Amino acid sequence: MKEDFKSYYAVIFTSTQNKNIDGYSEMAEKMETLAKQQKGYLGMDSAKNDVGITVSYWDSLEAIKNWKQQSEHLQAQQKGRQYWYSWYNVRICKVEREYEFLKK
């Protein structure tokens, strides 16, 4: 673990999509671009298959709350519930430690 490690937060968004996802890719790209502009945003990882998982990283719970309430993100959430998702789950976790492996 890094000596100067500072804990942060992860928002884990797990979902299944409906068959009709017209406009979804464009909105997802727009939301990623917009998230990167938000104060407290640290990064994002995403994997999509039968179940999609997107994890965004934030420096505080306040930053997460502000992102959740951002007007364009609110519109995307509404469209997601109305058109794109058949199910989703959101988990907010505090990351207190991390490590990685990289084979060279």
N, C-alpha and C. Protein backbone atom coordinates (compact mmCIF):
# COMPACT_ATOMS: atom_id res chain seq x y z
N MET A 1 0.84 -1.18 0.00
CA MET A 1 0.00 0.00 0.00
C MET A 1 0.88 1.24 0.00
N LYS A 2 0.45 2.23 -0.71
CA LYS A 2 1.20 3.48 -0.77
C LYS A 2 1.20 4.15 0.59
N GLU A 3 2.32 4.72 0.95
CA GLU A 3 2.44 5.41 2.25
C GLU A 3 1.52 6.62 2.34
N ASP A 4 1.32 7.30 1.22
CA ASP A 4 0.51 8.52 1.21
C ASP A 4 -0.93 8.24 0.77
N PHE A 5 -1.38 6.97 0.88
CA PHE A 5 -2.72 6.60 0.44
C PHE A 5 -3.78 7.35 1.24
N LYS A 6 -4.74 7.89 0.51
CA LYS A 6 -5.87 8.59 1.11
C LYS A 6 -7.13 7.85 0.68
N SER A 7 -7.97 7.51 1.63
CA SER A 7 -9.19 6.80 1.29
C SER A 7 -10.06 7.65 0.36
N TYR A 8 -10.92 6.96 -0.38
CA TYR A 8 -11.83 7.62 -1.32
C TYR A 8 -13.07 6.76 -1.43
N TYR A 9 -13.99 7.12 -2.28
CA TYR A 9 -15.27 6.42 -2.39
C TYR A 9 -15.46 5.85 -3.80
N ALA A 10 -16.14 4.71 -3.85
CA ALA A 10 -16.49 4.07 -5.11
C ALA A 10 -18.01 3.95 -5.20
N VAL A 11 -18.56 4.36 -6.32
CA VAL A 11 -19.98 4.16 -6.61
C VAL A 11 -20.05 3.02 -7.62
N ILE A 12 -20.65 1.91 -7.21
CA ILE A 12 -20.74 0.72 -8.05
C ILE A 12 -22.16 0.66 -8.62
N PHE A 13 -22.27 0.82 -9.92
CA PHE A 13 -23.55 0.79 -10.61
C PHE A 13 -23.61 -0.50 -11.42
N THR A 14 -24.49 -1.40 -11.01
CA THR A 14 -24.66 -2.70 -11.66
C THR A 14 -26.03 -2.69 -12.32
N SER A 15 -26.12 -3.16 -13.58
CA SER A 15 -27.40 -3.05 -14.28
C SER A 15 -27.60 -4.15 -15.32
N THR A 16 -28.87 -4.34 -15.67
CA THR A 16 -29.23 -5.11 -16.86
C THR A 16 -30.06 -4.18 -17.73
N GLN A 17 -29.86 -4.31 -19.03
CA GLN A 17 -30.53 -3.40 -19.96
C GLN A 17 -31.70 -4.08 -20.66
N ASN A 18 -32.64 -3.25 -21.07
CA ASN A 18 -33.73 -3.70 -21.94
C ASN A 18 -33.16 -3.97 -23.32
N LYS A 19 -33.96 -4.55 -24.19
CA LYS A 19 -33.49 -4.82 -25.56
C LYS A 19 -33.36 -3.53 -26.37
N ASN A 20 -34.24 -2.57 -26.16
CA ASN A 20 -34.20 -1.32 -26.90
C ASN A 20 -33.30 -0.32 -26.16
N ILE A 21 -32.12 -0.11 -26.70
CA ILE A 21 -31.18 0.81 -26.04
C ILE A 21 -30.79 1.96 -26.96
N ASP A 22 -31.69 2.33 -27.84
CA ASP A 22 -31.42 3.45 -28.75
C ASP A 22 -31.02 4.69 -27.96
N GLY A 23 -29.90 5.27 -28.32
CA GLY A 23 -29.42 6.48 -27.68
C GLY A 23 -28.60 6.24 -26.42
N TYR A 24 -28.52 5.00 -25.96
CA TYR A 24 -27.81 4.71 -24.71
C TYR A 24 -26.31 5.00 -24.81
N SER A 25 -25.67 4.51 -25.85
CA SER A 25 -24.21 4.70 -25.98
C SER A 25 -23.83 6.17 -26.00
N GLU A 26 -24.60 6.96 -26.72
CA GLU A 26 -24.31 8.39 -26.78
C GLU A 26 -24.47 9.05 -25.40
N MET A 27 -25.53 8.65 -24.69
CA MET A 27 -25.75 9.21 -23.35
C MET A 27 -24.66 8.76 -22.38
N ALA A 28 -24.25 7.51 -22.45
CA ALA A 28 -23.19 7.01 -21.57
C ALA A 28 -21.90 7.77 -21.80
N GLU A 29 -21.58 8.02 -23.06
CA GLU A 29 -20.37 8.78 -23.40
C GLU A 29 -20.47 10.21 -22.87
N LYS A 30 -21.63 10.81 -23.04
CA LYS A 30 -21.85 12.17 -22.56
C LYS A 30 -21.72 12.24 -21.03
N MET A 31 -22.26 11.24 -20.32
CA MET A 31 -22.20 11.23 -18.86
C MET A 31 -20.76 11.03 -18.38
N GLU A 32 -19.99 10.21 -19.07
CA GLU A 32 -18.59 10.03 -18.70
C GLU A 32 -17.82 11.33 -18.86
N THR A 33 -18.04 12.01 -19.97
CA THR A 33 -17.39 13.30 -20.22
C THR A 33 -17.78 14.31 -19.14
N LEU A 34 -19.06 14.36 -18.81
CA LEU A 34 -19.56 15.29 -17.81
C LEU A 34 -19.03 14.95 -16.41
N ALA A 35 -18.99 13.66 -16.08
CA ALA A 35 -18.48 13.24 -14.76
C ALA A 35 -17.03 13.69 -14.57
N LYS A 36 -16.24 13.57 -15.63
CA LYS A 36 -14.83 13.97 -15.56
C LYS A 36 -14.66 15.45 -15.22
N GLN A 37 -15.68 16.25 -15.47
CA GLN A 37 -15.62 17.69 -15.20
C GLN A 37 -16.08 18.04 -13.78
N GLN A 38 -16.60 17.06 -13.04
CA GLN A 38 -17.15 17.33 -11.72
C GLN A 38 -16.05 17.39 -10.67
N LYS A 39 -16.22 18.29 -9.75
CA LYS A 39 -15.28 18.41 -8.63
C LYS A 39 -15.33 17.12 -7.82
N GLY A 40 -14.17 16.57 -7.53
CA GLY A 40 -14.08 15.37 -6.71
C GLY A 40 -14.04 14.07 -7.49
N TYR A 41 -14.19 14.13 -8.82
CA TYR A 41 -14.14 12.93 -9.66
C TYR A 41 -12.71 12.43 -9.73
N LEU A 42 -12.53 11.11 -9.56
CA LEU A 42 -11.19 10.54 -9.59
C LEU A 42 -10.95 9.56 -10.74
N GLY A 43 -12.02 8.98 -11.29
CA GLY A 43 -11.84 8.03 -12.38
C GLY A 43 -13.02 7.10 -12.51
N MET A 44 -12.90 6.15 -13.47
CA MET A 44 -14.02 5.24 -13.75
C MET A 44 -13.49 3.96 -14.38
N ASP A 45 -14.12 2.85 -14.04
CA ASP A 45 -13.90 1.56 -14.68
C ASP A 45 -15.26 1.03 -15.10
N SER A 46 -15.31 0.31 -16.24
CA SER A 46 -16.59 -0.19 -16.71
C SER A 46 -16.41 -1.49 -17.47
N ALA A 47 -17.37 -2.40 -17.31
CA ALA A 47 -17.41 -3.66 -18.05
C ALA A 47 -18.86 -3.94 -18.39
N LYS A 48 -19.11 -4.30 -19.62
CA LYS A 48 -20.48 -4.55 -20.06
C LYS A 48 -20.57 -5.92 -20.72
N ASN A 49 -21.55 -6.67 -20.31
CA ASN A 49 -21.88 -7.96 -20.88
C ASN A 49 -23.36 -8.17 -20.63
N ASP A 50 -23.77 -9.35 -20.17
CA ASP A 50 -25.18 -9.54 -19.80
C ASP A 50 -25.55 -8.61 -18.65
N VAL A 51 -24.60 -8.41 -17.77
CA VAL A 51 -24.74 -7.46 -16.66
C VAL A 51 -23.66 -6.41 -16.84
N GLY A 52 -24.05 -5.14 -16.74
CA GLY A 52 -23.07 -4.06 -16.85
C GLY A 52 -22.65 -3.61 -15.47
N ILE A 53 -21.38 -3.31 -15.31
CA ILE A 53 -20.86 -2.79 -14.04
C ILE A 53 -20.00 -1.58 -14.36
N THR A 54 -20.36 -0.46 -13.77
CA THR A 54 -19.56 0.75 -13.88
C THR A 54 -19.23 1.21 -12.47
N VAL A 55 -17.96 1.44 -12.22
CA VAL A 55 -17.50 1.92 -10.92
C VAL A 55 -16.87 3.28 -11.13
N SER A 56 -17.44 4.29 -10.47
CA SER A 56 -16.83 5.62 -10.52
C SER A 56 -16.23 5.92 -9.16
N TYR A 57 -15.16 6.69 -9.16
CA TYR A 57 -14.40 6.96 -7.95
C TYR A 57 -14.45 8.45 -7.64
N TRP A 58 -14.65 8.75 -6.35
CA TRP A 58 -14.86 10.14 -5.90
C TRP A 58 -14.08 10.39 -4.62
N ASP A 59 -13.70 11.65 -4.42
CA ASP A 59 -12.92 11.97 -3.22
C ASP A 59 -13.76 12.18 -1.96
N SER A 60 -15.09 12.30 -2.11
CA SER A 60 -15.93 12.54 -0.93
C SER A 60 -17.38 12.14 -1.20
N LEU A 61 -18.12 11.95 -0.13
CA LEU A 61 -19.56 11.68 -0.25
C LEU A 61 -20.28 12.91 -0.81
N GLU A 62 -19.78 14.09 -0.49
CA GLU A 62 -20.38 15.32 -1.01
C GLU A 62 -20.25 15.38 -2.54
N ALA A 63 -19.10 14.97 -3.06
CA ALA A 63 -18.91 14.96 -4.52
C ALA A 63 -19.89 13.99 -5.18
N ILE A 64 -20.12 12.85 -4.55
CA ILE A 64 -21.08 11.86 -5.08
C ILE A 64 -22.49 12.45 -5.07
N LYS A 65 -22.85 13.10 -3.98
CA LYS A 65 -24.18 13.71 -3.86
C LYS A 65 -24.36 14.78 -4.94
N ASN A 66 -23.34 15.60 -5.14
CA ASN A 66 -23.42 16.66 -6.17
C ASN A 66 -23.57 16.06 -7.56
N TRP A 67 -22.86 14.97 -7.85
CA TRP A 67 -22.98 14.32 -9.15
C TRP A 67 -24.39 13.74 -9.33
N LYS A 68 -24.90 13.11 -8.29
CA LYS A 68 -26.24 12.52 -8.35
C LYS A 68 -27.29 13.59 -8.68
N GLN A 69 -27.08 14.80 -8.20
CA GLN A 69 -28.06 15.87 -8.36
C GLN A 69 -27.76 16.79 -9.54
N GLN A 70 -26.71 16.53 -10.31
CA GLN A 70 -26.36 17.35 -11.46
C GLN A 70 -27.49 17.23 -12.50
N SER A 71 -27.93 18.35 -13.05
CA SER A 71 -29.15 18.38 -13.86
C SER A 71 -29.14 17.44 -15.07
N GLU A 72 -28.05 17.43 -15.84
CA GLU A 72 -28.01 16.54 -17.00
C GLU A 72 -27.96 15.07 -16.58
N HIS A 73 -27.30 14.81 -15.45
CA HIS A 73 -27.25 13.45 -14.92
C HIS A 73 -28.64 13.02 -14.45
N LEU A 74 -29.40 13.93 -13.86
CA LEU A 74 -30.78 13.63 -13.46
C LEU A 74 -31.62 13.23 -14.67
N GLN A 75 -31.45 13.93 -15.78
CA GLN A 75 -32.18 13.60 -17.00
C GLN A 75 -31.78 12.21 -17.52
N ALA A 76 -30.49 11.90 -17.47
CA ALA A 76 -30.01 10.59 -17.91
C ALA A 76 -30.57 9.49 -17.01
N GLN A 77 -30.64 9.74 -15.70
CA GLN A 77 -31.20 8.76 -14.77
C GLN A 77 -32.66 8.47 -15.13
N GLN A 78 -33.41 9.52 -15.42
CA GLN A 78 -34.83 9.36 -15.77
C GLN A 78 -34.98 8.54 -17.06
N LYS A 79 -34.17 8.86 -18.07
CA LYS A 79 -34.23 8.10 -19.32
C LYS A 79 -33.83 6.65 -19.09
N GLY A 80 -32.85 6.44 -18.23
CA GLY A 80 -32.43 5.07 -17.93
C GLY A 80 -33.55 4.24 -17.34
N ARG A 81 -34.26 4.80 -16.38
CA ARG A 81 -35.39 4.09 -15.77
C ARG A 81 -36.53 3.89 -16.77
N GLN A 82 -36.74 4.88 -17.62
CA GLN A 82 -37.86 4.83 -18.56
C GLN A 82 -37.58 3.92 -19.76
N TYR A 83 -36.35 3.95 -20.30
CA TYR A 83 -36.07 3.28 -21.56
C TYR A 83 -35.04 2.16 -21.52
N TRP A 84 -33.92 2.35 -20.81
CA TRP A 84 -32.77 1.49 -21.02
C TRP A 84 -32.59 0.36 -20.02
N TYR A 85 -32.95 0.55 -18.77
CA TYR A 85 -32.67 -0.46 -17.76
C TYR A 85 -33.90 -1.26 -17.36
N SER A 86 -33.70 -2.57 -17.22
CA SER A 86 -34.74 -3.40 -16.63
C SER A 86 -34.48 -3.56 -15.13
N TRP A 87 -33.24 -3.32 -14.71
CA TRP A 87 -32.86 -3.40 -13.29
C TRP A 87 -31.54 -2.68 -13.11
N TYR A 88 -31.38 -2.05 -11.95
CA TYR A 88 -30.05 -1.57 -11.55
C TYR A 88 -29.93 -1.51 -10.05
N ASN A 89 -28.69 -1.47 -9.60
CA ASN A 89 -28.37 -1.39 -8.18
C ASN A 89 -27.19 -0.45 -8.03
N VAL A 90 -27.24 0.39 -7.01
CA VAL A 90 -26.14 1.32 -6.75
C VAL A 90 -25.61 1.05 -5.35
N ARG A 91 -24.31 0.91 -5.25
CA ARG A 91 -23.64 0.73 -3.96
C ARG A 91 -22.58 1.82 -3.83
N ILE A 92 -22.49 2.39 -2.65
CA ILE A 92 -21.47 3.40 -2.39
C ILE A 92 -20.57 2.84 -1.28
N CYS A 93 -19.30 2.74 -1.58
CA CYS A 93 -18.34 2.10 -0.67
C CYS A 93 -17.16 3.03 -0.41
N LYS A 94 -16.61 2.91 0.77
CA LYS A 94 -15.38 3.63 1.10
C LYS A 94 -14.20 2.70 0.84
N VAL A 95 -13.26 3.16 0.04
CA VAL A 95 -12.06 2.40 -0.27
C VAL A 95 -10.98 2.83 0.72
N GLU A 96 -10.57 1.89 1.54
CA GLU A 96 -9.58 2.20 2.58
C GLU A 96 -8.19 1.67 2.26
N ARG A 97 -8.14 0.81 1.24
CA ARG A 97 -6.87 0.25 0.86
C ARG A 97 -6.97 -0.23 -0.57
N GLU A 98 -5.85 -0.20 -1.28
CA GLU A 98 -5.82 -0.74 -2.64
C GLU A 98 -4.44 -1.23 -2.94
N TYR A 99 -4.37 -2.19 -3.86
CA TYR A 99 -3.10 -2.66 -4.38
C TYR A 99 -3.35 -3.21 -5.77
N GLU A 100 -2.30 -3.41 -6.53
CA GLU A 100 -2.45 -3.91 -7.89
C GLU A 100 -1.26 -4.77 -8.27
N PHE A 101 -1.43 -5.49 -9.35
CA PHE A 101 -0.39 -6.33 -9.95
C PHE A 101 -0.30 -5.96 -11.42
N LEU A 102 0.89 -5.86 -11.95
CA LEU A 102 1.10 -5.60 -13.36
C LEU A 102 2.26 -6.46 -13.81
N LYS A 103 1.97 -7.40 -14.71
CA LYS A 103 3.01 -8.26 -15.26
C LYS A 103 3.65 -7.56 -16.44
N LYS A 104 4.95 -7.48 -16.44
CA LYS A 104 5.69 -6.82 -17.53
C LYS A 104 6.41 -7.82 -18.38
